[in-house]
Amino acid sequence: MVEPMTVQVAQRGVVVLPKALRQEYGIRPGDRLTLLDLGGVFVLSRRPSEADALADRISGALAEEGQTLEGMLRALREERERYAAGDPGVS
């Protein structure tokens, strides 16, 4: 199991990555990282986020079918709520 590491937020929100991580992954000054906020759980990735491009592609495909991304997300939330409530009709 990977041991958690503690970092401290300095002035202006600066967070220093531990040297061992920077060395292991070849992270150098000036490198760009993607920060994802997953409901208060922060994930740093060396890869650029593809979420915006994916959302644009999904939105375009839904528009071609006369649907909206908001409508799809609303339906997804409803399905999750039914699933959480133990609705037997939800697989």
PDB file of N, CA and C in Angstrom:
ATOM      1  N   MET A   1       0.843  -1.189   0.000  1.00  0.00           N
ATOM      2  CA  MET A   1       0.000   0.000   0.000  1.00  0.00           C
ATOM      3  C   MET A   1       0.882   1.244   0.000  1.00  0.00           C
ATOM      4  N   VAL A   2       0.488   2.241  -0.754  1.00  0.00           N
ATOM      5  CA  VAL A   2       1.229   3.493  -0.825  1.00  0.00           C
ATOM      6  C   VAL A   2       0.909   4.320   0.411  1.00  0.00           C
ATOM      7  N   GLU A   3       1.961   4.806   1.041  1.00  0.00           N
ATOM      8  CA  GLU A   3       1.779   5.630   2.235  1.00  0.00           C
ATOM      9  C   GLU A   3       1.345   7.029   1.832  1.00  0.00           C
ATOM     10  N   PRO A   4       0.359   7.599   2.541  1.00  0.00           N
ATOM     11  CA  PRO A   4      -0.047   8.980   2.218  1.00  0.00           C
ATOM     12  C   PRO A   4       1.074   9.955   2.565  1.00  0.00           C
ATOM     13  N   MET A   5       1.127  11.026   1.812  1.00  0.00           N
ATOM     14  CA  MET A   5       2.108  12.085   2.056  1.00  0.00           C
ATOM     15  C   MET A   5       1.352  13.343   2.438  1.00  0.00           C
ATOM     16  N   THR A   6       1.930  14.097   3.328  1.00  0.00           N
ATOM     17  CA  THR A   6       1.321  15.348   3.756  1.00  0.00           C
ATOM     18  C   THR A   6       2.070  16.503   3.111  1.00  0.00           C
ATOM     19  N   VAL A   7       1.311  17.433   2.550  1.00  0.00           N
ATOM     20  CA  VAL A   7       1.891  18.654   2.006  1.00  0.00           C
ATOM     21  C   VAL A   7       1.221  19.819   2.708  1.00  0.00           C
ATOM     22  N   GLN A   8       1.888  20.946   2.695  1.00  0.00           N
ATOM     23  CA  GLN A   8       1.358  22.143   3.356  1.00  0.00           C
ATOM     24  C   GLN A   8       1.127  23.228   2.320  1.00  0.00           C
ATOM     25  N   VAL A   9       0.034  23.931   2.463  1.00  0.00           N
ATOM     26  CA  VAL A   9      -0.265  25.048   1.572  1.00  0.00           C
ATOM     27  C   VAL A   9       0.443  26.286   2.129  1.00  0.00           C
ATOM     28  N   ALA A  10       1.301  26.866   1.301  1.00  0.00           N
ATOM     29  CA  ALA A  10       2.051  28.062   1.695  1.00  0.00           C
ATOM     30  C   ALA A  10       1.303  29.304   1.221  1.00  0.00           C
ATOM     31  N   GLN A  11       1.954  30.442   1.352  1.00  0.00           N
ATOM     32  CA  GLN A  11       1.335  31.684   0.904  1.00  0.00           C
ATOM     33  C   GLN A  11       0.973  31.587  -0.568  1.00  0.00           C
ATOM     34  N   ARG A  12      -0.092  32.262  -0.925  1.00  0.00           N
ATOM     35  CA  ARG A  12      -0.592  32.317  -2.301  1.00  0.00           C
ATOM     36  C   ARG A  12      -1.010  30.938  -2.811  1.00  0.00           C
ATOM     37  N   GLY A  13      -1.256  29.982  -1.913  1.00  0.00           N
ATOM     38  CA  GLY A  13      -1.756  28.677  -2.313  1.00  0.00           C
ATOM     39  C   GLY A  13      -0.708  27.737  -2.869  1.00  0.00           C
ATOM     40  N   VAL A  14       0.557  28.041  -2.690  1.00  0.00           N
ATOM     41  CA  VAL A  14       1.624  27.202  -3.231  1.00  0.00           C
ATOM     42  C   VAL A  14       1.704  25.892  -2.451  1.00  0.00           C
ATOM     43  N   VAL A  15       1.727  24.779  -3.194  1.00  0.00           N
ATOM     44  CA  VAL A  15       1.891  23.453  -2.607  1.00  0.00           C
ATOM     45  C   VAL A  15       3.153  22.854  -3.214  1.00  0.00           C
ATOM     46  N   VAL A  16       4.051  22.375  -2.371  1.00  0.00           N
ATOM     47  CA  VAL A  16       5.290  21.774  -2.854  1.00  0.00           C
ATOM     48  C   VAL A  16       5.128  20.261  -2.855  1.00  0.00           C
ATOM     49  N   LEU A  17       5.368  19.656  -4.017  1.00  0.00           N
ATOM     50  CA  LEU A  17       5.321  18.197  -4.106  1.00  0.00           C
ATOM     51  C   LEU A  17       6.595  17.632  -3.486  1.00  0.00           C
ATOM     52  N   PRO A  18       6.482  16.536  -2.740  1.00  0.00           N
ATOM     53  CA  PRO A  18       7.678  15.943  -2.151  1.00  0.00           C
ATOM     54  C   PRO A  18       8.713  15.594  -3.225  1.00  0.00           C
ATOM     55  N   LYS A  19       9.971  15.797  -2.858  1.00  0.00           N
ATOM     56  CA  LYS A  19      11.074  15.579  -3.793  1.00  0.00           C
ATOM     57  C   LYS A  19      11.045  14.166  -4.376  1.00  0.00           C
ATOM     58  N   ALA A  20      10.739  13.180  -3.562  1.00  0.00           N
ATOM     59  CA  ALA A  20      10.718  11.790  -4.044  1.00  0.00           C
ATOM     60  C   ALA A  20       9.719  11.626  -5.191  1.00  0.00           C
ATOM     61  N   LEU A  21       8.553  12.269  -5.093  1.00  0.00           N
ATOM     62  CA  LEU A  21       7.553  12.185  -6.172  1.00  0.00           C
ATOM     63  C   LEU A  21       8.036  12.916  -7.414  1.00  0.00           C
ATOM     64  N   ARG A  22       8.602  14.099  -7.223  1.00  0.00           N
ATOM     65  CA  ARG A  22       9.098  14.852  -8.375  1.00  0.00           C
ATOM     66  C   ARG A  22      10.164  14.058  -9.117  1.00  0.00           C
ATOM     67  N   GLN A  23      11.052  13.433  -8.375  1.00  0.00           N
ATOM     68  CA  GLN A  23      12.109  12.640  -9.007  1.00  0.00           C
ATOM     69  C   GLN A  23      11.541  11.402  -9.688  1.00  0.00           C
ATOM     70  N   GLU A  24      10.666  10.689  -8.994  1.00  0.00           N
ATOM     71  CA  GLU A  24      10.111   9.446  -9.535  1.00  0.00           C
ATOM     72  C   GLU A  24       9.363   9.669 -10.849  1.00  0.00           C
ATOM     73  N   TYR A  25       8.650  10.790 -10.950  1.00  0.00           N
ATOM     74  CA  TYR A  25       7.825  11.042 -12.130  1.00  0.00           C
ATOM     75  C   TYR A  25       8.414  12.091 -13.069  1.00  0.00           C
ATOM     76  N   GLY A  26       9.616  12.531 -12.786  1.00  0.00           N
ATOM     77  CA  GLY A  26      10.287  13.472 -13.678  1.00  0.00           C
ATOM     78  C   GLY A  26       9.598  14.820 -13.766  1.00  0.00           C
ATOM     79  N   ILE A  27       9.019  15.260 -12.676  1.00  0.00           N
ATOM     80  CA  ILE A  27       8.326  16.549 -12.661  1.00  0.00           C
ATOM     81  C   ILE A  27       9.360  17.642 -12.424  1.00  0.00           C
ATOM     82  N   ARG A  28       9.381  18.597 -13.326  1.00  0.00           N
ATOM     83  CA  ARG A  28      10.382  19.665 -13.295  1.00  0.00           C
ATOM     84  C   ARG A  28       9.692  21.027 -13.140  1.00  0.00           C
ATOM     85  N   PRO A  29      10.434  22.029 -12.663  1.00  0.00           N
ATOM     86  CA  PRO A  29       9.848  23.378 -12.572  1.00  0.00           C
ATOM     87  C   PRO A  29       9.295  23.808 -13.923  1.00  0.00           C
ATOM     88  N   GLY A  30       8.102  24.372 -13.900  1.00  0.00           N
ATOM     89  CA  GLY A  30       7.459  24.822 -15.136  1.00  0.00           C
ATOM     90  C   GLY A  30       6.533  23.794 -15.753  1.00  0.00           C
ATOM     91  N   ASP A  31       6.626  22.518 -15.329  1.00  0.00           N
ATOM     92  CA  ASP A  31       5.705  21.500 -15.842  1.00  0.00           C
ATOM     93  C   ASP A  31       4.283  21.858 -15.437  1.00  0.00           C
ATOM     94  N   ARG A  32       3.344  21.524 -16.302  1.00  0.00           N
ATOM     95  CA  ARG A  32       1.929  21.765 -16.004  1.00  0.00           C
ATOM     96  C   ARG A  32       1.284  20.467 -15.547  1.00  0.00           C
ATOM     97  N   LEU A  33       0.489  20.563 -14.489  1.00  0.00           N
ATOM     98  CA  LEU A  33      -0.275  19.437 -13.978  1.00  0.00           C
ATOM     99  C   LEU A  33      -1.749  19.800 -14.047  1.00  0.00           C
ATOM    100  N   THR A  34      -2.594  18.795 -14.157  1.00  0.00           N
ATOM    101  CA  THR A  34      -4.035  19.013 -14.139  1.00  0.00           C
ATOM    102  C   THR A  34      -4.547  18.688 -12.741  1.00  0.00           C
ATOM    103  N   LEU A  35      -5.332  19.590 -12.170  1.00  0.00           N
ATOM    104  CA  LEU A  35      -5.930  19.398 -10.856  1.00  0.00           C
ATOM    105  C   LEU A  35      -7.417  19.154 -11.039  1.00  0.00           C
ATOM    106  N   LEU A  36      -7.879  18.010 -10.565  1.00  0.00           N
ATOM    107  CA  LEU A  36      -9.305  17.686 -10.610  1.00  0.00           C
ATOM    108  C   LEU A  36      -9.855  17.738  -9.193  1.00  0.00           C
ATOM    109  N   ASP A  37     -10.992  18.383  -9.014  1.00  0.00           N
ATOM    110  CA  ASP A  37     -11.676  18.435  -7.726  1.00  0.00           C
ATOM    111  C   ASP A  37     -12.837  17.460  -7.792  1.00  0.00           C
ATOM    112  N   LEU A  38     -12.705  16.350  -7.105  1.00  0.00           N
ATOM    113  CA  LEU A  38     -13.747  15.322  -7.097  1.00  0.00           C
ATOM    114  C   LEU A  38     -14.490  15.404  -5.772  1.00  0.00           C
ATOM    115  N   GLY A  39     -15.234  16.478  -5.610  1.00  0.00           N
ATOM    116  CA  GLY A  39     -16.015  16.648  -4.387  1.00  0.00           C
ATOM    117  C   GLY A  39     -15.151  16.777  -3.149  1.00  0.00           C
ATOM    118  N   GLY A  40     -14.063  17.520  -3.252  1.00  0.00           N
ATOM    119  CA  GLY A  40     -13.188  17.723  -2.099  1.00  0.00           C
ATOM    120  C   GLY A  40     -11.993  16.790  -2.077  1.00  0.00           C
ATOM    121  N   VAL A  41     -11.955  15.831  -2.967  1.00  0.00           N
ATOM    122  CA  VAL A  41     -10.782  14.972  -3.131  1.00  0.00           C
ATOM    123  C   VAL A  41     -10.030  15.513  -4.340  1.00  0.00           C
ATOM    124  N   PHE A  42      -8.800  15.953  -4.123  1.00  0.00           N
ATOM    125  CA  PHE A  42      -8.029  16.574  -5.190  1.00  0.00           C
ATOM    126  C   PHE A  42      -7.111  15.549  -5.832  1.00  0.00           C
ATOM    127  N   VAL A  43      -7.130  15.523  -7.153  1.00  0.00           N
ATOM    128  CA  VAL A  43      -6.296  14.602  -7.909  1.00  0.00           C
ATOM    129  C   VAL A  43      -5.403  15.416  -8.832  1.00  0.00           C
ATOM    130  N   LEU A  44      -4.109  15.193  -8.730  1.00  0.00           N
ATOM    131  CA  LEU A  44      -3.153  15.838  -9.633  1.00  0.00           C
ATOM    132  C   LEU A  44      -2.728  14.831 -10.679  1.00  0.00           C
ATOM    133  N   SER A  45      -2.684  15.266 -11.912  1.00  0.00           N
ATOM    134  CA  SER A  45      -2.297  14.379 -13.000  1.00  0.00           C
ATOM    135  C   SER A  45      -1.316  15.090 -13.915  1.00  0.00           C
ATOM    136  N   ARG A  46      -0.362  14.335 -14.450  1.00  0.00           N
ATOM    137  CA  ARG A  46       0.580  14.905 -15.405  1.00  0.00           C
ATOM    138  C   ARG A  46      -0.075  15.062 -16.764  1.00  0.00           C
ATOM    139  N   ARG A  47      -1.123  14.320 -17.006  1.00  0.00           N
ATOM    140  CA  ARG A  47      -1.806  14.395 -18.294  1.00  0.00           C
ATOM    141  C   ARG A  47      -2.809  15.533 -18.287  1.00  0.00           C
ATOM    142  N   PRO A  48      -2.969  16.207 -19.418  1.00  0.00           N
ATOM    143  CA  PRO A  48      -3.998  17.255 -19.491  1.00  0.00           C
ATOM    144  C   PRO A  48      -5.392  16.637 -19.356  1.00  0.00           C
ATOM    145  N   SER A  49      -6.287  17.388 -18.768  1.00  0.00           N
ATOM    146  CA  SER A  49      -7.652  16.902 -18.607  1.00  0.00           C
ATOM    147  C   SER A  49      -8.335  16.800 -19.965  1.00  0.00           C
ATOM    148  N   GLU A  50      -9.021  15.705 -20.167  1.00  0.00           N
ATOM    149  CA  GLU A  50      -9.779  15.511 -21.391  1.00  0.00           C
ATOM    150  C   GLU A  50     -11.269  15.701 -21.158  1.00  0.00           C
ATOM    151  N   ALA A  51     -11.615  16.119 -19.939  1.00  0.00           N
ATOM    152  CA  ALA A  51     -13.020  16.242 -19.579  1.00  0.00           C
ATOM    153  C   ALA A  51     -13.760  17.252 -20.451  1.00  0.00           C
ATOM    154  N   ASP A  52     -13.151  18.415 -20.698  1.00  0.00           N
ATOM    155  CA  ASP A  52     -13.832  19.437 -21.499  1.00  0.00           C
ATOM    156  C   ASP A  52     -14.047  18.965 -22.932  1.00  0.00           C
ATOM    157  N   ALA A  53     -13.031  18.361 -23.526  1.00  0.00           N
ATOM    158  CA  ALA A  53     -13.165  17.874 -24.905  1.00  0.00           C
ATOM    159  C   ALA A  53     -14.201  16.763 -24.977  1.00  0.00           C
ATOM    160  N   LEU A  54     -14.210  15.879 -23.978  1.00  0.00           N
ATOM    161  CA  LEU A  54     -15.190  14.796 -23.949  1.00  0.00           C
ATOM    162  C   LEU A  54     -16.605  15.354 -23.792  1.00  0.00           C
ATOM    163  N   ALA A  55     -16.765  16.335 -22.911  1.00  0.00           N
ATOM    164  CA  ALA A  55     -18.084  16.948 -22.721  1.00  0.00           C
ATOM    165  C   ALA A  55     -18.568  17.604 -24.007  1.00  0.00           C
ATOM    166  N   ASP A  56     -17.658  18.255 -24.739  1.00  0.00           N
ATOM    167  CA  ASP A  56     -18.031  18.874 -26.012  1.00  0.00           C
ATOM    168  C   ASP A  56     -18.492  17.826 -27.022  1.00  0.00           C
ATOM    169  N   ARG A  57     -17.779  16.685 -27.089  1.00  0.00           N
ATOM    170  CA  ARG A  57     -18.166  15.623 -28.032  1.00  0.00           C
ATOM    171  C   ARG A  57     -19.523  15.027 -27.656  1.00  0.00           C
ATOM    172  N   ILE A  58     -19.735  14.807 -26.362  1.00  0.00           N
ATOM    173  CA  ILE A  58     -21.016  14.249 -25.904  1.00  0.00           C
ATOM    174  C   ILE A  58     -22.134  15.231 -26.187  1.00  0.00           C
ATOM    175  N   SER A  59     -21.890  16.500 -25.878  1.00  0.00           N
ATOM    176  CA  SER A  59     -22.901  17.532 -26.103  1.00  0.00           C
ATOM    177  C   SER A  59     -23.274  17.604 -27.584  1.00  0.00           C
ATOM    178  N   GLY A  60     -22.276  17.534 -28.475  1.00  0.00           N
ATOM    179  CA  GLY A  60     -22.534  17.562 -29.912  1.00  0.00           C
ATOM    180  C   GLY A  60     -23.351  16.365 -30.368  1.00  0.00           C
ATOM    181  N   ALA A  61     -23.006  15.186 -29.864  1.00  0.00           N
ATOM    182  CA  ALA A  61     -23.747  13.973 -30.236  1.00  0.00           C
ATOM    183  C   ALA A  61     -25.185  14.039 -29.742  1.00  0.00           C
ATOM    184  N   LEU A  62     -25.391  14.555 -28.531  1.00  0.00           N
ATOM    185  CA  LEU A  62     -26.749  14.671 -27.999  1.00  0.00           C
ATOM    186  C   LEU A  62     -27.554  15.691 -28.795  1.00  0.00           C
ATOM    187  N   ALA A  63     -26.916  16.799 -29.194  1.00  0.00           N
ATOM    188  CA  ALA A  63     -27.611  17.827 -29.965  1.00  0.00           C
ATOM    189  C   ALA A  63     -28.089  17.263 -31.300  1.00  0.00           C
ATOM    190  N   GLU A  64     -27.290  16.396 -31.907  1.00  0.00           N
ATOM    191  CA  GLU A  64     -27.686  15.773 -33.167  1.00  0.00           C
ATOM    192  C   GLU A  64     -28.935  14.912 -32.995  1.00  0.00           C
ATOM    193  N   GLU A  65     -29.105  14.373 -31.782  1.00  0.00           N
ATOM    194  CA  GLU A  65     -30.275  13.535 -31.489  1.00  0.00           C
ATOM    195  C   GLU A  65     -31.417  14.337 -30.881  1.00  0.00           C
ATOM    196  N   GLY A  66     -31.250  15.668 -30.783  1.00  0.00           N
ATOM    197  CA  GLY A  66     -32.302  16.515 -30.220  1.00  0.00           C
ATOM    198  C   GLY A  66     -32.354  16.483 -28.706  1.00  0.00           C
ATOM    199  N   GLN A  67     -31.283  16.040 -28.063  1.00  0.00           N
ATOM    200  CA  GLN A  67     -31.230  15.993 -26.608  1.00  0.00           C
ATOM    201  C   GLN A  67     -30.206  17.017 -26.121  1.00  0.00           C
ATOM    202  N   THR A  68     -30.174  17.224 -24.804  1.00  0.00           N
ATOM    203  CA  THR A  68     -29.198  18.136 -24.223  1.00  0.00           C
ATOM    204  C   THR A  68     -28.358  17.397 -23.187  1.00  0.00           C
ATOM    205  N   LEU A  69     -27.176  17.911 -22.930  1.00  0.00           N
ATOM    206  CA  LEU A  69     -26.313  17.343 -21.904  1.00  0.00           C
ATOM    207  C   LEU A  69     -26.980  17.479 -20.537  1.00  0.00           C
ATOM    208  N   GLU A  70     -27.648  18.604 -20.315  1.00  0.00           N
ATOM    209  CA  GLU A  70     -28.326  18.819 -19.037  1.00  0.00           C
ATOM    210  C   GLU A  70     -29.415  17.771 -18.819  1.00  0.00           C
ATOM    211  N   GLY A  71     -30.154  17.468 -19.875  1.00  0.00           N
ATOM    212  CA  GLY A  71     -31.196  16.448 -19.771  1.00  0.00           C
ATOM    213  C   GLY A  71     -30.621  15.079 -19.460  1.00  0.00           C
ATOM    214  N   MET A  72     -29.499  14.759 -20.091  1.00  0.00           N
ATOM    215  CA  MET A  72     -28.863  13.477 -19.833  1.00  0.00           C
ATOM    216  C   MET A  72     -28.362  13.409 -18.393  1.00  0.00           C
ATOM    217  N   LEU A  73     -27.753  14.497 -17.915  1.00  0.00           N
ATOM    218  CA  LEU A  73     -27.263  14.515 -16.538  1.00  0.00           C
ATOM    219  C   LEU A  73     -28.414  14.420 -15.537  1.00  0.00           C
ATOM    220  N   ARG A  74     -29.532  15.062 -15.849  1.00  0.00           N
ATOM    221  CA  ARG A  74     -30.701  14.975 -14.985  1.00  0.00           C
ATOM    222  C   ARG A  74     -31.196  13.534 -14.914  1.00  0.00           C
ATOM    223  N   ALA A  75     -31.256  12.864 -16.067  1.00  0.00           N
ATOM    224  CA  ALA A  75     -31.686  11.463 -16.101  1.00  0.00           C
ATOM    225  C   ALA A  75     -30.710  10.580 -15.338  1.00  0.00           C
ATOM    226  N   LEU A  76     -29.430  10.855 -15.445  1.00  0.00           N
ATOM    227  CA  LEU A  76     -28.428  10.084 -14.718  1.00  0.00           C
ATOM    228  C   LEU A  76     -28.610  10.256 -13.210  1.00  0.00           C
ATOM    229  N   ARG A  77     -28.841  11.500 -12.766  1.00  0.00           N
ATOM    230  CA  ARG A  77     -29.071  11.737 -11.333  1.00  0.00           C
ATOM    231  C   ARG A  77     -30.300  10.988 -10.849  1.00  0.00           C
ATOM    232  N   GLU A  78     -31.364  10.985 -11.650  1.00  0.00           N
ATOM    233  CA  GLU A  78     -32.584  10.278 -11.275  1.00  0.00           C
ATOM    234  C   GLU A  78     -32.328   8.777 -11.161  1.00  0.00           C
ATOM    235  N   GLU A  79     -31.563   8.224 -12.104  1.00  0.00           N
ATOM    236  CA  GLU A  79     -31.231   6.797 -12.045  1.00  0.00           C
ATOM    237  C   GLU A  79     -30.416   6.485 -10.798  1.00  0.00           C
ATOM    238  N   ARG A  80     -29.470   7.343 -10.472  1.00  0.00           N
ATOM    239  CA  ARG A  80     -28.662   7.123  -9.268  1.00  0.00           C
ATOM    240  C   ARG A  80     -29.524   7.155  -8.018  1.00  0.00           C
ATOM    241  N   GLU A  81     -30.469   8.104  -7.968  1.00  0.00           N
ATOM    242  CA  GLU A  81     -31.354   8.201  -6.809  1.00  0.00           C
ATOM    243  C   GLU A  81     -32.215   6.950  -6.676  1.00  0.00           C
ATOM    244  N   ARG A  82     -32.743   6.458  -7.805  1.00  0.00           N
ATOM    245  CA  ARG A  82     -33.539   5.225  -7.761  1.00  0.00           C
ATOM    246  C   ARG A  82     -32.673   4.047  -7.315  1.00  0.00           C
ATOM    247  N   TYR A  83     -31.456   3.978  -7.811  1.00  0.00           N
ATOM    248  CA  TYR A  83     -30.542   2.897  -7.445  1.00  0.00           C
ATOM    249  C   TYR A  83     -30.236   2.956  -5.953  1.00  0.00           C
ATOM    250  N   ALA A  84     -29.945   4.173  -5.438  1.00  0.00           N
ATOM    251  CA  ALA A  84     -29.621   4.345  -4.028  1.00  0.00           C
ATOM    252  C   ALA A  84     -30.810   3.994  -3.138  1.00  0.00           C
ATOM    253  N   ALA A  85     -32.024   4.208  -3.653  1.00  0.00           N
ATOM    254  CA  ALA A  85     -33.239   3.907  -2.894  1.00  0.00           C
ATOM    255  C   ALA A  85     -33.572   2.414  -2.937  1.00  0.00           C
ATOM    256  N   GLY A  86     -32.803   1.643  -3.721  1.00  0.00           N
ATOM    257  CA  GLY A  86     -33.042   0.206  -3.775  1.00  0.00           C
ATOM    258  C   GLY A  86     -34.146  -0.199  -4.731  1.00  0.00           C
ATOM    259  N   ASP A  87     -34.456   0.647  -5.709  1.00  0.00           N
ATOM    260  CA  ASP A  87     -35.477   0.344  -6.699  1.00  0.00           C
ATOM    261  C   ASP A  87     -35.078  -0.926  -7.457  1.00  0.00           C
ATOM    262  N   PRO A  88     -35.892  -1.992  -7.398  1.00  0.00           N
ATOM    263  CA  PRO A  88     -35.533  -3.240  -8.076  1.00  0.00           C
ATOM    264  C   PRO A  88     -35.529  -3.119  -9.592  1.00  0.00           C
ATOM    265  N   GLY A  89     -36.126  -2.072 -10.149  1.00  0.00           N
ATOM    266  CA  GLY A  89     -36.165  -1.913 -11.598  1.00  0.00           C
ATOM    267  C   GLY A  89     -34.892  -1.331 -12.178  1.00  0.00           C
ATOM    268  N   VAL A  90     -33.948  -0.983 -11.306  1.00  0.00           N
ATOM    269  CA  VAL A  90     -32.695  -0.389 -11.744  1.00  0.00           C
ATOM    270  C   VAL A  90     -31.608  -1.434 -11.667  1.00  0.00           C
ATOM    271  N   SER A  91     -30.891  -1.624 -12.770  1.00  0.00           N
ATOM    272  CA  SER A  91     -29.819  -2.640 -12.742  1.00  0.00           C
ATOM    273  C   SER A  91     -28.478  -2.011 -12.581  1.00  0.00           C
TER     274      SER A  91
END
